[in-house]
Protein backbone atom coordinates (compact mmCIF):
# COMPACT_ATOMS: atom_id res chain seq x y z
CA MET A 1 20.45 9.08 25.72
CA LYS A 2 23.44 7.39 24.15
CA ALA A 3 22.99 5.00 21.21
CA THR A 4 25.54 2.75 19.52
CA LEU A 5 25.57 1.25 16.03
CA VAL A 6 27.88 -1.71 15.33
CA LEU A 7 28.21 -3.32 11.88
CA VAL A 8 29.09 -6.95 11.35
CA ASP A 9 32.47 -5.88 9.91
CA GLY A 10 33.34 -4.28 13.27
CA ALA A 11 32.69 -0.64 12.35
CA VAL A 12 31.34 1.32 15.31
CA PHE A 13 29.29 4.54 15.31
CA ARG A 14 28.27 6.32 18.50
CA GLY A 15 25.46 8.83 18.62
CA THR A 16 22.30 9.65 20.52
CA SER A 17 18.96 7.91 20.62
CA PHE A 18 15.72 9.12 19.07
CA GLY A 19 12.57 7.07 18.88
CA ALA A 20 12.08 4.06 21.10
CA GLU A 21 14.67 2.76 23.55
CA GLY A 22 15.85 -0.77 22.87
CA GLU A 23 18.10 -2.94 20.76
CA VAL A 24 17.47 -3.99 17.15
CA ILE A 25 19.37 -6.02 14.56
CA GLY A 26 18.81 -5.86 10.82
CA GLN A 27 20.29 -5.40 7.37
CA VAL A 28 21.77 -1.90 7.22
CA VAL A 29 21.05 -0.13 3.92
CA PHE A 30 21.07 3.49 2.76
CA HIS A 31 18.38 5.48 0.97
CA THR A 32 19.22 8.47 -1.23
CA GLY A 33 15.84 10.20 -1.11
CA ILE A 34 15.81 13.84 0.00
CA THR A 35 12.16 13.70 1.02
CA GLY A 36 9.64 10.97 1.72
CA TYR A 37 11.01 9.52 4.95
CA GLN A 38 7.45 8.80 6.10
CA GLU A 39 6.69 6.67 3.04
CA ILE A 40 10.03 4.87 3.50
CA LEU A 41 9.24 4.13 7.15
CA THR A 42 5.86 2.64 6.26
CA ASP A 43 6.97 0.65 3.19
CA PRO A 44 6.65 -3.05 4.19
CA SER A 45 9.52 -3.85 1.79
CA TYR A 46 11.89 -2.55 4.47
CA ARG A 47 10.93 -5.27 6.95
CA GLY A 48 14.09 -6.50 8.67
CA GLN A 49 16.18 -3.55 7.49
CA ILE A 50 17.84 -0.64 9.29
CA VAL A 51 17.53 2.33 6.96
CA THR A 52 20.14 5.08 6.75
CA MET A 53 19.00 8.37 5.22
CA THR A 54 21.80 10.01 3.23
CA TYR A 55 20.06 13.39 3.33
CA PRO A 56 21.36 14.94 6.56
CA HIS A 57 18.30 16.72 8.01
CA ILE A 58 15.29 14.47 8.66
CA GLY A 59 12.00 15.16 10.42
CA ASN A 60 11.34 18.75 9.40
CA THR A 61 7.91 18.00 7.86
CA GLY A 62 6.71 15.77 10.69
CA ILE A 63 4.28 12.91 10.05
CA ASN A 64 0.82 13.07 8.50
CA PHE A 65 -1.35 9.99 8.51
CA GLU A 66 -2.61 10.41 4.92
CA ASP A 67 0.77 9.60 3.35
CA ASN A 68 1.45 6.28 5.08
CA GLU A 69 2.14 3.35 2.76
CA SER A 70 0.80 0.77 5.23
CA VAL A 71 -0.88 0.60 8.63
CA ALA A 72 2.42 0.85 10.52
CA PRO A 73 6.20 1.10 10.04
CA TYR A 74 7.83 -2.29 9.47
CA LEU A 75 11.54 -1.48 9.32
CA ALA A 76 13.89 -2.61 12.10
CA GLY A 77 15.62 0.69 12.82
CA PHE A 78 16.27 4.22 11.53
CA ILE A 79 19.53 6.18 11.14
CA VAL A 80 19.85 9.92 10.45
CA LYS A 81 22.58 12.52 10.63
CA GLU A 82 20.42 15.13 12.34
CA TYR A 83 16.87 14.78 13.61
CA CYS A 84 14.66 17.89 13.50
CA PRO A 85 12.62 18.02 16.74
CA HIS A 86 10.54 21.05 15.66
CA PRO A 87 8.78 20.19 12.38
CA SER A 88 6.72 22.72 10.48
CA ASN A 89 4.22 21.59 7.84
CA TRP A 90 0.57 22.44 7.38
CA ARG A 91 -0.36 18.75 6.95
CA GLN A 92 1.51 17.29 9.93
CA ASP A 93 -0.35 15.30 12.59
CA THR A 94 2.61 14.49 14.83
CA ASP A 95 6.40 14.63 14.93
CA LEU A 96 8.74 11.86 13.77
CA GLU A 97 10.12 10.89 17.18
CA THR A 98 6.67 10.54 18.74
CA TYR A 99 5.66 8.34 15.81
CA LEU A 100 8.74 6.13 16.18
CA ARG A 101 8.18 5.77 19.92
CA LYS A 102 4.54 4.82 19.40
CA HIS A 103 5.54 2.02 17.02
CA ARG A 104 8.59 0.88 18.99
CA ILE A 105 11.13 1.80 16.29
CA THR A 106 14.65 2.48 17.59
CA GLY A 107 16.70 5.19 15.92
CA ILE A 108 20.14 6.74 16.17
CA GLN A 109 21.19 10.25 15.20
CA GLY A 110 24.33 12.34 15.35
CA ILE A 111 26.61 9.85 13.58
CA ASP A 112 28.64 10.38 10.42
CA THR A 113 26.12 9.06 7.89
CA ARG A 114 28.48 9.90 5.02
CA LYS A 115 31.12 7.57 6.48
CA LEU A 116 28.48 4.89 7.06
CA THR A 117 27.15 5.23 3.50
CA LEU A 118 30.66 4.90 2.07
CA ASN A 119 31.13 1.71 4.09
CA LEU A 120 27.90 0.24 2.69
CA ARG A 121 28.62 1.47 -0.84
CA GLU A 122 32.16 0.10 -0.97
CA THR A 123 31.70 -3.26 0.78
CA GLY A 124 27.96 -3.90 0.49
CA ALA A 125 24.87 -3.85 2.68
CA LYS A 126 25.46 -5.77 5.89
CA LYS A 127 24.01 -6.70 9.24
CA GLY A 128 24.12 -4.18 12.05
CA ILE A 129 22.80 -3.55 15.55
CA ILE A 130 21.51 -0.36 17.19
CA SER A 131 21.39 -0.35 20.97
CA THR A 132 20.47 2.18 23.63
CA LEU A 133 20.87 -0.48 26.34
CA ASP A 134 24.32 -1.95 25.74
CA HIS A 135 27.38 -0.03 24.53
CA ASP A 136 30.04 -2.71 24.77
CA GLU A 137 31.46 -3.14 21.27
CA ALA A 138 32.52 -6.77 21.71
CA ARG A 139 29.13 -7.89 23.02
CA LEU A 140 27.24 -6.03 20.31
CA LEU A 141 29.48 -7.44 17.58
CA LYS A 142 28.93 -10.97 18.90
CA LYS A 143 25.14 -10.47 18.82
CA VAL A 144 25.12 -9.20 15.25
CA LYS A 145 27.41 -11.96 13.99
CA GLU A 146 25.11 -14.61 15.47
CA TYR A 147 22.02 -13.08 13.88
CA PRO A 148 20.83 -15.00 10.77
CA GLU A 149 21.19 -13.62 7.24
CA ILE A 150 18.08 -12.69 5.24
CA ASP A 151 18.75 -15.33 2.57
CA GLY A 152 15.96 -17.89 2.54
CA CYS A 153 13.92 -16.13 5.24
CA ASP A 154 10.19 -15.66 4.73
CA LEU A 155 9.60 -12.03 5.69
CA VAL A 156 6.42 -11.83 3.61
CA LYS A 157 4.43 -13.71 6.26
CA GLU A 158 5.24 -10.89 8.69
CA VAL A 159 3.75 -8.12 6.52
CA THR A 160 0.98 -9.67 4.40
CA CYS A 161 -2.67 -9.12 5.30
CA SER A 162 -4.48 -11.83 7.28
CA GLU A 163 -7.76 -11.64 5.33
CA PRO A 164 -8.80 -10.42 1.86
CA TYR A 165 -10.05 -6.84 1.70
CA ASP A 166 -11.37 -4.45 -0.95
CA TRP A 167 -9.66 -1.16 -1.84
CA GLY A 168 -11.45 1.65 -3.68
CA GLU A 169 -9.48 4.81 -2.84
CA GLY A 170 -7.56 6.57 -5.58
CA SER A 171 -4.81 9.19 -5.46
CA TRP A 172 -4.98 12.12 -3.08
CA GLN A 173 -6.37 15.31 -4.61
CA TRP A 174 -5.71 18.94 -3.67
CA SER A 175 -9.40 19.17 -2.79
CA GLY A 176 -8.68 16.68 -0.03
CA GLN A 177 -10.93 14.04 -1.59
CA PRO A 178 -9.29 10.97 -3.19
CA LYS A 179 -10.35 9.75 -6.59
CA LYS A 180 -13.03 7.06 -6.62
CA SER A 181 -12.77 3.83 -8.56
CA GLU A 182 -14.64 3.55 -11.84
CA GLY A 183 -14.61 -0.21 -11.35
CA LEU A 184 -14.20 -0.96 -15.05
CA PHE A 185 -12.40 -4.21 -14.30
CA ARG A 186 -11.38 -6.34 -11.33
CA VAL A 187 -7.78 -6.73 -10.17
CA ALA A 188 -6.75 -9.33 -7.61
CA ALA A 189 -3.62 -8.16 -5.80
CA TYR A 190 -1.35 -10.61 -4.00
CA ASP A 191 -0.09 -8.85 -0.87
CA GLY A 192 3.58 -9.56 -0.31
CA GLY A 193 3.91 -6.24 1.53
CA ILE A 194 1.91 -3.99 -0.77
CA LYS A 195 2.24 -0.20 -0.70
CA GLN A 196 -0.96 1.80 -0.60
CA ASN A 197 0.13 4.07 -3.43
CA ILE A 198 0.19 1.03 -5.71
CA LEU A 199 -3.43 0.40 -4.78
CA ARG A 200 -4.28 4.07 -5.39
CA LEU A 201 -2.77 4.00 -8.88
CA LEU A 202 -4.55 0.75 -9.75
CA VAL A 203 -7.79 2.50 -8.79
CA ASP A 204 -6.81 5.55 -10.85
CA ALA A 205 -6.43 3.20 -13.82
CA GLY A 206 -10.06 2.14 -13.44
CA SER A 207 -9.86 -1.05 -11.41
CA ALA A 208 -11.78 -2.39 -8.47
CA VAL A 209 -9.12 -4.02 -6.30
CA ARG A 210 -9.32 -6.91 -3.88
CA VAL A 211 -6.16 -7.62 -1.88
CA PHE A 212 -5.39 -11.23 -0.98
CA PRO A 213 -2.93 -12.68 1.56
CA ALA A 214 0.23 -14.04 -0.06
CA SER A 215 -0.70 -17.60 0.96
CA THR A 216 -4.10 -17.55 -0.79
CA PRO A 217 -4.40 -20.53 -3.18
CA SER A 218 -4.58 -19.50 -6.84
CA GLU A 219 -7.95 -21.21 -7.27
CA ASP A 220 -9.44 -19.02 -4.51
CA VAL A 221 -8.18 -15.91 -6.29
CA LEU A 222 -9.65 -17.07 -9.60
CA ALA A 223 -12.97 -17.84 -7.87
CA TRP A 224 -13.40 -14.10 -7.26
CA GLY A 225 -13.46 -13.59 -11.03
CA PRO A 226 -10.60 -11.13 -11.56
CA ASP A 227 -9.77 -9.61 -14.94
CA GLY A 228 -6.12 -9.23 -13.97
CA ILE A 229 -3.61 -10.31 -11.33
CA PHE A 230 -1.20 -7.97 -9.59
CA LEU A 231 1.93 -9.17 -7.73
CA SER A 232 3.08 -6.69 -5.11
CA ASN A 233 6.36 -5.53 -3.71
CA GLY A 234 7.61 -6.99 -0.44
CA PRO A 235 10.63 -7.73 1.73
CA GLY A 236 13.41 -10.28 1.74
CA ASP A 237 14.46 -13.22 -0.38
CA PRO A 238 11.86 -14.32 -2.97
CA GLU A 239 13.03 -17.94 -2.65
CA GLY A 240 11.80 -17.82 0.94
CA VAL A 241 8.20 -17.62 -0.31
CA PRO A 242 7.68 -20.92 -2.21
CA TYR A 243 3.91 -20.93 -1.70
CA LEU A 244 3.54 -17.61 -3.55
CA ILE A 245 5.81 -18.83 -6.34
CA GLU A 246 3.60 -21.89 -6.82
CA ASN A 247 0.39 -19.82 -6.79
CA VAL A 248 1.76 -17.48 -9.45
CA ARG A 249 2.96 -20.42 -11.56
CA ASN A 250 -0.64 -21.69 -11.61
CA LEU A 251 -1.95 -18.31 -12.82
CA ILE A 252 0.38 -17.73 -15.76
CA GLY A 253 -1.57 -17.93 -19.01
CA LYS A 254 -4.95 -17.68 -17.27
CA LYS A 255 -5.09 -13.94 -16.57
CA PRO A 256 -3.00 -10.86 -17.40
CA ILE A 257 -0.32 -10.39 -14.73
CA PHE A 258 1.65 -7.32 -13.61
CA GLY A 259 4.41 -7.62 -10.99
CA ILE A 260 6.43 -5.01 -9.12
CA CYS A 261 9.70 -5.52 -7.20
CA LEU A 262 9.24 -8.74 -5.16
CA GLY A 263 6.40 -9.56 -7.58
CA HIS A 264 8.90 -9.30 -10.44
CA GLN A 265 11.24 -11.73 -8.68
CA ILE A 266 8.41 -14.14 -7.80
CA LEU A 267 7.31 -14.14 -11.42
CA GLY A 268 10.85 -14.90 -12.57
CA LEU A 269 11.04 -17.87 -10.21
CA ALA A 270 7.56 -19.06 -11.24
CA LEU A 271 8.80 -19.15 -14.85
CA GLY A 272 11.69 -21.39 -13.87
CA GLY A 273 14.25 -18.61 -13.53
CA ARG A 274 16.86 -17.83 -10.92
CA THR A 275 17.33 -14.93 -8.49
CA TYR A 276 20.51 -13.84 -6.76
CA ARG A 277 21.49 -11.44 -4.02
CA LEU A 278 23.00 -8.10 -5.01
CA ASN A 279 26.17 -6.95 -3.26
CA PHE A 280 24.77 -3.52 -2.48
CA GLY A 281 21.08 -3.69 -3.23
CA HIS A 282 19.18 -0.79 -4.77
CA HIS A 283 17.65 1.68 -2.32
CA GLY A 284 16.82 5.23 -3.32
CA ALA A 285 14.80 7.58 -5.48
CA ASN A 286 17.21 8.42 -8.29
CA HIS A 287 18.21 5.17 -10.05
CA PRO A 288 18.45 5.49 -13.86
CA VAL A 289 16.72 2.74 -15.86
CA ARG A 290 16.63 2.44 -19.65
CA ARG A 291 13.59 1.26 -21.60
CA LEU A 292 14.99 -0.97 -24.30
CA ASP A 293 12.09 -0.44 -26.71
CA THR A 294 12.44 3.35 -26.89
CA GLY A 295 15.86 4.06 -25.38
CA GLN A 296 14.20 6.44 -22.93
CA VAL A 297 15.83 6.73 -19.50
CA GLU A 298 13.55 6.78 -16.48
CA ILE A 299 14.62 8.03 -13.05
CA THR A 300 13.18 5.49 -10.65
CA SER A 301 12.51 4.70 -7.00
CA GLN A 302 13.95 1.36 -5.86
CA ASN A 303 14.22 -0.89 -2.82
CA HIS A 304 15.43 -4.47 -3.26
CA ASN A 305 18.34 -6.72 -2.34
CA PHE A 306 17.75 -9.45 -4.94
CA ALA A 307 17.55 -9.52 -8.74
CA VAL A 308 16.38 -11.87 -11.50
CA ASP A 309 19.03 -13.44 -13.72
CA PRO A 310 17.78 -12.59 -17.24
CA GLU A 311 19.63 -15.55 -18.78
CA SER A 312 17.61 -17.93 -16.63
CA VAL A 313 14.29 -16.80 -18.16
CA LYS A 314 15.34 -15.90 -21.72
CA SER A 315 13.42 -18.84 -23.21
CA GLU A 316 10.19 -17.42 -21.72
CA CYS A 317 10.72 -13.65 -21.49
CA GLU A 318 12.31 -10.63 -23.09
CA VAL A 319 14.20 -8.06 -21.04
CA THR A 320 12.45 -4.67 -21.28
CA HIS A 321 14.44 -2.50 -18.85
CA ILE A 322 18.00 -2.41 -17.51
CA ASN A 323 19.62 -0.53 -14.64
CA LEU A 324 22.23 1.90 -15.96
CA ASN A 325 24.28 1.80 -12.75
CA ASP A 326 25.08 -1.91 -12.82
CA GLN A 327 23.30 -3.30 -15.93
CA THR A 328 21.04 -5.55 -13.84
CA ASN A 329 17.62 -6.63 -15.07
CA GLU A 330 14.80 -4.19 -14.29
CA GLY A 331 11.93 -5.51 -16.38
CA LEU A 332 10.55 -8.56 -18.18
CA THR A 333 7.68 -9.29 -20.55
CA HIS A 334 6.48 -12.76 -21.49
CA LYS A 335 6.87 -13.79 -25.12
CA LYS A 336 3.52 -15.59 -25.28
CA HIS A 337 1.21 -14.56 -22.42
CA PRO A 338 -0.02 -11.10 -21.27
CA VAL A 339 2.47 -11.00 -18.40
CA PHE A 340 5.06 -8.34 -17.51
CA SER A 341 6.97 -7.19 -14.45
CA ILE A 342 9.20 -4.38 -13.22
CA GLN A 343 11.94 -4.52 -10.59
CA TYR A 344 11.64 -0.89 -9.51
CA HIS A 345 8.69 1.06 -8.04
CA PRO A 346 6.66 2.90 -10.71
CA GLU A 347 4.26 4.13 -8.02
CA ALA A 348 7.26 6.00 -6.50
CA SER A 349 6.09 7.52 -3.20
CA PRO A 350 8.60 8.86 -2.60
CA GLY A 351 10.30 9.48 -5.89
CA PRO A 352 9.82 10.52 -9.53
CA HIS A 353 6.73 9.75 -11.57
CA ASP A 354 8.50 8.79 -14.80
CA SER A 355 7.20 5.20 -14.76
CA ARG A 356 3.52 5.57 -13.96
CA TYR A 357 2.65 4.74 -17.57
CA LEU A 358 3.05 1.08 -16.56
CA PHE A 359 -0.31 1.14 -14.79
CA ASP A 360 -1.95 2.28 -18.03
CA ARG A 361 -0.09 -0.50 -19.82
CA PHE A 362 -1.60 -3.01 -17.40
CA ARG A 363 -5.07 -1.57 -17.98
CA LYS A 364 -4.62 -1.81 -21.77
CA MET A 365 -3.39 -5.39 -21.44
CA ILE A 366 -6.53 -6.31 -19.49
CA GLU A 367 -8.80 -4.57 -22.01
CA GLU A 368 -7.17 -6.44 -24.88
CA ALA A 369 -7.43 -9.75 -23.06
């Protein structure tokens, strides 16, 4: 079946459909990971985005249900150079196309993903539409131009949990049995679109975790008696989630706080700072980040379209990490309170494990508090 991709700048790519039939509009971004397409698909941070994989051959390991990062894929659409219809992996439960069809995710394959990536890299991430139903360029371009931008939109409400729940499963082991929580301390995690590997690593660090919806009042979180607060990753513009910003503002100075990605941005806004939209965004598994305290360079996994202006929070925080590609802020620590945050994904999945020490840092911060 034919499929057509049209970008808001008028660029047109024609290929074939894989996954569900239909028509989807979203922010088109590219991801540089060679592996881990399943974790990318199920990362709630990609809500509202059409993800292009720069690695050309996708689907060869199929899908296994143990490696999902959430209960379902949340992205808008999926773009690959070549889909592999005959996967081979001892852990697979199903193939990629069957999984996409089940969850109503529309994909396109057979296009020049190098040309598409160059477009996004040179002029920035932009809106696009994938359609298997309509192939008229003018009509598709009109639809995508009329579609709203992500700025100011609350995408968190579309991915956060509806009720609090407890999580006690640690990292997957070769024995097939995940680690169990020691429960040395309690961590309350605000769910802005949390990845399950974050929860696993919090458990590995000795915590008993309770996950709360993003709209949960701060007093209800404190009533559970947590030893620390975790602010999760998530999709979209942090300024579109004012209720979470206010809740976090009320928690600063009361408990140790650790934020990742969207949680980093929410924390910056809660401290009176400013966020801004990046021209290209950061999406991939090989972004170099420097630790300013040691000079060490970490290779990191990233997925975000917004960043915190470090000048806007310099009275409250010190910058701890910077991105070596564009010098943007990648980490903050509070000058007075046990509070720190990271813009990238130390839990990786997929990606390198250079930054997992941050979970031990959070544990030590709680122990000291």
